Each structure stands twice: as C-alpha cells, then as structure tokens.
Amino acid sequence: MKQPKAAGDTPRYGRGTGVPDPIDVHVGKRIRMRRLFFGMNQEALANALGLTFQQVQKYEGGANRVSASRLWELSKILGVSIEFFFSGLQLDDSPKSPEEQASRERMESPETIELVRNYYRIANSAVRQQFLEMVKSVSVSAGRAD
C-alpha cells in the first residue's frame, strides 16, 4: 500500500522530481494498450480528444497526469470503463521479480496487442479455438510452454 508522506519529506516522484508517479505511468500504459488494440495511432486519439499527439505521448508515458474529465473521455473513445485504466495496478512498493516484469512487458508489447486484436477479428469461434490450439501446439514444440 502506498504510504502517505510525512510533512517535509522529499517526494520520490511527481511534480518537480522528474520522475512520473507510478500510477500515472500505469494509467498511461493502459491507454496505450487499448489504443493499440484498436489499431489507432496517437494522432487519431489526439484528434478525438481535441489534443496534439504530443499530449497523448505524455499521457501514455506518465509524464502528464490524465484529469478525471479526460479519463472519462478516454473511456468513451476507447470503449472501456474507467476501472480499466486502473486494472492490474499494484500500489505496494515491493520489487517485481524479473519473470513477473518480463511477463508484464510481453503482455504490453505491440506484437501481443496486435495478435490479440487480430485473434478477435476472427468471427467464427470454432476457428478462433482451432487457432488457439495451434498456437499452444507450436509453443510446446518450440519449448516455450507456460
């Protein structure tokens, strides 16, 4: 759990430190993930929000905080609930294992998001299931079964 800071404590992140708040970084990653899922570039999202693509870049990197009203707009444009942006957020400061970090990075990669997006474009559920079984089979034969 995130500990409140005592008066006079120097902040570790946030305004004036040059280090973005981990919550802002998490929300930004979720924005990026959902944008990529739709195959949308930053400029298209920026246009939908009435912003520059640079502002979207700052949101996605956690450099700029997303206001509540902007988060509401994003949820409508990206077709998710507000809760989506906070899903998977861990507020404790415990270090992540290298395996956990690598797994998270794989799940957030553009390649993974593109694969999932295209998977769900397969209208026939039986074909989707066959594809999933094929991917599992290939991963086992390649020695990458998890």
Protein backbone atom coordinates (compact mmCIF):
# COMPACT_ATOMS: atom_id res chain seq x y z
CA MET A 1 0.00 0.00 0.00
CA LYS A 2 1.24 3.46 -0.83
CA GLN A 3 2.32 5.23 2.33
CA PRO A 4 1.33 8.85 2.89
CA LYS A 5 4.35 11.08 3.09
CA ALA A 6 5.13 12.99 6.20
CA ALA A 7 5.38 16.77 6.12
CA GLY A 8 8.82 17.82 4.97
CA ASP A 9 9.62 14.50 3.24
CA THR A 10 11.19 14.91 -0.19
CA PRO A 11 8.91 13.31 -2.78
CA ARG A 12 10.35 10.36 -4.72
CA TYR A 13 8.26 11.11 -7.78
CA GLY A 14 5.73 13.59 -9.08
CA ARG A 15 5.88 17.27 -9.87
CA GLY A 16 9.36 18.73 -9.68
CA THR A 17 11.20 15.41 -9.32
CA GLY A 18 11.48 14.47 -12.99
CA VAL A 19 10.13 11.03 -12.10
CA PRO A 20 6.50 10.28 -13.03
CA ASP A 21 4.15 8.86 -10.44
CA PRO A 22 3.83 5.07 -10.90
CA ILE A 23 0.04 5.41 -11.01
CA ASP A 24 0.28 7.88 -13.90
CA VAL A 25 2.67 5.52 -15.70
CA HIS A 26 0.26 2.61 -15.20
CA VAL A 27 -2.74 4.59 -16.48
CA GLY A 28 -0.67 5.72 -19.47
CA LYS A 29 0.30 2.15 -20.31
CA ARG A 30 -3.34 1.10 -20.18
CA ILE A 31 -4.28 3.97 -22.53
CA ARG A 32 -1.55 2.89 -24.94
CA MET A 33 -2.57 -0.77 -24.73
CA ARG A 34 -6.20 -0.03 -25.55
CA ARG A 35 -5.29 2.42 -28.32
CA LEU A 36 -3.06 -0.19 -29.94
CA PHE A 37 -5.77 -2.82 -29.54
CA PHE A 38 -7.94 -0.68 -31.81
CA GLY A 39 -5.07 -0.16 -34.25
CA MET A 40 -5.32 3.57 -33.55
CA ASN A 41 -2.28 5.83 -33.75
CA GLN A 42 -1.58 8.63 -31.30
CA GLU A 43 -2.67 11.28 -33.77
CA ALA A 44 -6.11 9.69 -34.23
CA LEU A 45 -6.63 9.51 -30.47
CA ALA A 46 -5.38 13.07 -30.07
CA ASN A 47 -7.83 14.29 -32.72
CA ALA A 48 -10.71 12.51 -30.98
CA LEU A 49 -9.71 14.26 -27.74
CA GLY A 50 -9.01 17.64 -29.35
CA LEU A 51 -5.33 17.47 -28.37
CA THR A 52 -1.94 17.21 -30.03
CA PHE A 53 -0.35 13.80 -30.44
CA GLN A 54 2.47 15.04 -28.19
CA GLN A 55 -0.01 15.38 -25.34
CA VAL A 56 -1.16 11.79 -25.91
CA GLN A 57 2.53 10.75 -25.84
CA LYS A 58 2.93 12.47 -22.48
CA TYR A 59 -0.19 10.76 -21.12
CA GLU A 60 1.00 7.36 -22.32
CA GLY A 61 4.45 7.83 -20.80
CA GLY A 62 3.07 9.07 -17.49
CA ALA A 63 4.83 12.42 -17.87
CA ASN A 64 1.48 14.23 -17.68
CA ARG A 65 -1.40 13.21 -15.46
CA VAL A 66 -4.76 12.48 -17.02
CA SER A 67 -7.53 14.51 -15.40
CA ALA A 68 -10.77 12.87 -14.34
CA SER A 69 -12.74 14.51 -17.16
CA ARG A 70 -10.13 13.46 -19.74
CA LEU A 71 -10.14 9.91 -18.35
CA TRP A 72 -13.92 9.91 -18.81
CA GLU A 73 -13.47 11.00 -22.45
CA LEU A 74 -10.83 8.33 -23.00
CA SER A 75 -13.09 5.65 -21.56
CA LYS A 76 -15.83 6.60 -24.06
CA ILE A 77 -13.47 6.82 -27.06
CA LEU A 78 -11.70 3.56 -26.21
CA GLY A 79 -14.87 1.72 -25.20
CA VAL A 80 -13.90 0.77 -21.66
CA SER A 81 -14.93 1.59 -18.13
CA ILE A 82 -12.88 3.98 -16.01
CA GLU A 83 -11.82 0.95 -13.95
CA PHE A 84 -9.99 -0.46 -16.99
CA PHE A 85 -7.27 2.16 -16.63
CA PHE A 86 -6.51 1.04 -13.08
CA SER A 87 -6.79 -2.71 -13.66
CA GLY A 88 -3.70 -4.57 -12.51
CA LEU A 89 -2.36 -1.60 -10.56
CA GLN A 90 -0.18 -2.62 -7.65
CA LEU A 91 0.24 0.06 -5.04
CA ASP A 92 2.82 -1.68 -2.92
CA ASP A 93 6.44 -0.76 -3.39
CA SER A 94 7.64 -4.36 -3.39
CA PRO A 95 10.01 -5.12 -6.26
CA LYS A 96 8.69 -7.28 -9.08
CA SER A 97 10.52 -10.47 -9.92
CA PRO A 98 12.35 -10.50 -13.26
CA GLU A 99 9.89 -13.13 -14.50
CA GLU A 100 6.90 -11.04 -13.45
CA GLN A 101 8.36 -7.93 -15.08
CA ALA A 102 9.17 -9.81 -18.31
CA SER A 103 5.67 -11.28 -18.43
CA ARG A 104 4.09 -7.84 -17.97
CA GLU A 105 6.30 -6.36 -20.70
CA ARG A 106 5.34 -9.16 -23.11
CA MET A 107 1.64 -8.56 -22.44
CA GLU A 108 2.03 -4.83 -23.13
CA SER A 109 4.09 -5.23 -26.31
CA PRO A 110 2.64 -4.01 -29.63
CA GLU A 111 3.14 -7.51 -31.06
CA THR A 112 1.00 -9.10 -28.35
CA ILE A 113 -1.70 -6.46 -28.67
CA GLU A 114 -1.76 -6.89 -32.47
CA LEU A 115 -2.06 -10.66 -32.07
CA VAL A 116 -4.99 -10.31 -29.67
CA ARG A 117 -6.68 -7.69 -31.88
CA ASN A 118 -6.45 -9.95 -34.92
CA TYR A 119 -7.49 -13.02 -32.93
CA TYR A 120 -10.77 -11.35 -32.01
CA ARG A 121 -11.32 -10.30 -35.61
CA ILE A 122 -11.86 -13.98 -36.43
CA ALA A 123 -15.65 -14.10 -36.44
CA ASN A 124 -16.03 -17.87 -36.23
CA SER A 125 -15.49 -19.03 -32.63
CA ALA A 126 -14.60 -22.57 -33.74
CA VAL A 127 -11.85 -21.21 -36.00
CA ARG A 128 -10.61 -19.00 -33.15
CA GLN A 129 -10.43 -22.07 -30.90
CA GLN A 130 -8.53 -24.01 -33.58
CA PHE A 131 -6.09 -21.14 -33.93
CA LEU A 132 -5.57 -21.04 -30.16
CA GLU A 133 -4.89 -24.78 -30.11
CA MET A 134 -2.42 -24.37 -32.98
CA VAL A 135 -0.56 -21.60 -31.12
CA LYS A 136 -0.40 -23.75 -27.99
CA SER A 137 0.94 -26.68 -30.00
CA VAL A 138 3.61 -24.56 -31.68
CA SER A 139 4.69 -23.06 -28.34
CA VAL A 140 5.07 -26.53 -26.82
CA SER A 141 7.11 -27.79 -29.76
CA ALA A 142 9.27 -24.66 -29.56
CA GLY A 143 9.89 -25.27 -25.85
CA ARG A 144 8.04 -22.17 -24.64
CA ALA A 145 5.06 -23.77 -22.89
CA ASP A 146 3.90 -21.81 -19.85
